[in-house]
C-alpha atoms as a PDB file:
ATOM      1  CA  MET A   1     -89.711  12.406  28.123  1.00  0.00           C
ATOM      2  CA  GLY A   2     -87.644  15.296  29.177  1.00  0.00           C
ATOM      3  CA  VAL A   3     -84.681  17.135  27.811  1.00  0.00           C
ATOM      4  CA  LYS A   4     -82.108  15.176  29.834  1.00  0.00           C
ATOM      5  CA  PRO A   5     -82.872  11.737  28.285  1.00  0.00           C
ATOM      6  CA  GLU A   6     -82.811  13.317  24.835  1.00  0.00           C
ATOM      7  CA  ILE A   7     -79.407  14.857  25.498  1.00  0.00           C
ATOM      8  CA  PHE A   8     -78.141  11.500  26.765  1.00  0.00           C
ATOM      9  CA  ARG A   9     -79.444   9.723  23.642  1.00  0.00           C
ATOM     10  CA  MET A  10     -77.842  12.331  21.385  1.00  0.00           C
ATOM     11  CA  ILE A  11     -74.507  11.885  23.169  1.00  0.00           C
ATOM     12  CA  ILE A  12     -74.749   8.114  22.644  1.00  0.00           C
ATOM     13  CA  TYR A  13     -75.696   8.559  18.969  1.00  0.00           C
ATOM     14  CA  LEU A  14     -72.693  10.785  18.363  1.00  0.00           C
ATOM     15  CA  THR A  15     -70.182   8.973  20.562  1.00  0.00           C
ATOM     16  CA  PHE A  16     -70.713   5.435  19.268  1.00  0.00           C
ATOM     17  CA  PRO A  17     -69.784   6.049  15.589  1.00  0.00           C
ATOM     18  CA  VAL A  18     -66.833   8.233  16.559  1.00  0.00           C
ATOM     19  CA  ALA A  19     -65.578   5.577  18.982  1.00  0.00           C
ATOM     20  CA  MET A  20     -65.962   2.797  16.379  1.00  0.00           C
ATOM     21  CA  PHE A  21     -64.092   4.893  13.824  1.00  0.00           C
ATOM     22  CA  ARG A  22     -61.309   5.511  16.340  1.00  0.00           C
ATOM     23  CA  VAL A  23     -61.000   1.823  17.252  1.00  0.00           C
ATOM     24  CA  SER A  24     -61.054   0.592  13.666  1.00  0.00           C
ATOM     25  CA  ASN A  25     -58.322   3.040  12.631  1.00  0.00           C
ATOM     26  CA  GLN A  26     -55.787   1.954  15.257  1.00  0.00           C
ATOM     27  CA  ALA A  27     -53.458   0.086  12.915  1.00  0.00           C
ATOM     28  CA  GLU A  28     -51.063  -1.050  15.625  1.00  0.00           C
ATOM     29  CA  TRP A  29     -53.925  -2.920  17.336  1.00  0.00           C
ATOM     30  CA  PHE A  30     -54.655  -5.020  14.250  1.00  0.00           C
ATOM     31  CA  GLU A  31     -51.268  -5.106  12.535  1.00  0.00           C
ATOM     32  CA  ASP A  32     -50.205  -8.538  13.806  1.00  0.00           C
ATOM     33  CA  ASP A  33     -53.551 -10.097  12.913  1.00  0.00           C
ATOM     34  CA  VAL A  34     -53.501  -8.603   9.417  1.00  0.00           C
ATOM     35  CA  ILE A  35     -49.932  -9.759   8.748  1.00  0.00           C
ATOM     36  CA  GLN A  36     -50.748 -13.274   9.962  1.00  0.00           C
ATOM     37  CA  ARG A  37     -53.891 -13.421   7.801  1.00  0.00           C
ATOM     38  CA  LYS A  38     -51.950 -12.160   4.775  1.00  0.00           C
ATOM     39  CA  ARG A  39     -49.367 -14.913   5.254  1.00  0.00           C
ATOM     40  CA  GLU A  40     -52.141 -17.499   5.469  1.00  0.00           C
ATOM     41  CA  LEU A  41     -53.757 -16.261   2.257  1.00  0.00           C
ATOM     42  CA  TRP A  42     -50.545 -15.628   0.319  1.00  0.00           C
ATOM     43  CA  PRO A  43     -47.744 -17.954   1.429  1.00  0.00           C
ATOM     44  CA  PRO A  44     -44.299 -17.296  -0.112  1.00  0.00           C
ATOM     45  CA  GLU A  45     -44.733 -20.155  -2.619  1.00  0.00           C
ATOM     46  CA  LYS A  46     -47.885 -18.556  -4.018  1.00  0.00           C
ATOM     47  CA  LEU A  47     -46.202 -15.158  -4.157  1.00  0.00           C
ATOM     48  CA  GLN A  48     -43.360 -16.665  -6.200  1.00  0.00           C
ATOM     49  CA  GLU A  49     -45.855 -18.279  -8.582  1.00  0.00           C
ATOM     50  CA  LEU A  50     -47.693 -14.976  -8.889  1.00  0.00           C
ATOM     51  CA  GLU A  51     -44.482 -13.102  -9.707  1.00  0.00           C
ATOM     52  CA  GLU A  52     -43.587 -15.698 -12.353  1.00  0.00           C
ATOM     53  CA  PHE A  53     -47.047 -15.348 -13.880  1.00  0.00           C
ATOM     54  CA  LYS A  54     -46.737 -11.551 -13.933  1.00  0.00           C
ATOM     55  CA  GLU A  55     -43.361 -11.846 -15.656  1.00  0.00           C
ATOM     56  CA  ARG A  56     -44.819 -14.165 -18.310  1.00  0.00           C
ATOM     57  CA  LEU A  57     -47.587 -11.637 -18.938  1.00  0.00           C
ATOM     58  CA  ARG A  58     -45.056  -8.803 -19.252  1.00  0.00           C
ATOM     59  CA  LYS A  59     -43.009 -10.822 -21.763  1.00  0.00           C
ATOM     60  CA  ARG A  60     -46.132 -11.655 -23.773  1.00  0.00           C
ATOM     61  CA  LYS A  61     -47.155  -7.987 -23.785  1.00  0.00           C
ATOM     62  CA  ARG A  62     -43.706  -6.878 -24.982  1.00  0.00           C
ATOM     63  CA  ARG A  63     -43.720  -9.549 -27.692  1.00  0.00           C
ATOM     64  CA  GLU A  64     -47.187  -8.528 -28.904  1.00  0.00           C
ATOM     65  CA  GLU A  65     -46.237  -4.834 -28.891  1.00  0.00           C
ATOM     66  CA  LYS A  66     -43.138  -5.634 -30.939  1.00  0.00           C
ATOM     67  CA  LEU A  67     -45.184  -7.656 -33.422  1.00  0.00           C
ATOM     68  CA  LEU A  68     -47.683  -4.801 -33.682  1.00  0.00           C
ATOM     69  CA  ARG A  69     -44.923  -2.222 -34.293  1.00  0.00           C
ATOM     70  CA  ASP A  70     -43.335  -4.466 -36.930  1.00  0.00           C
ATOM     71  CA  ALA A  71     -46.696  -4.971 -38.640  1.00  0.00           C
ATOM     72  CA  GLN A  72     -47.370  -1.227 -38.667  1.00  0.00           C
ATOM     73  CA  GLN A  73     -43.923  -0.470 -40.092  1.00  0.00           C
ATOM     74  CA  ASN A  74     -44.325  -3.055 -42.858  1.00  0.00           C
ATOM     75  CA  SER A  75     -47.760  -1.724 -43.869  1.00  0.00           C
END
């Protein structure tokens, strides 16, 4: 082999990863697909259920913290 094929191979080795990085980081190319997939995975009904669950957890945490503070004050 000569120097020219080696240079060509090195260009390919360096260009391919850079090109893939460039393509994968073009958000506007994939934005519609990502939004559609997100809506499929998390429809509005599930999001509402998730928010209600989070609120129940917050209330439980506040209640437990209050009980803990009261217990520490009474001790």
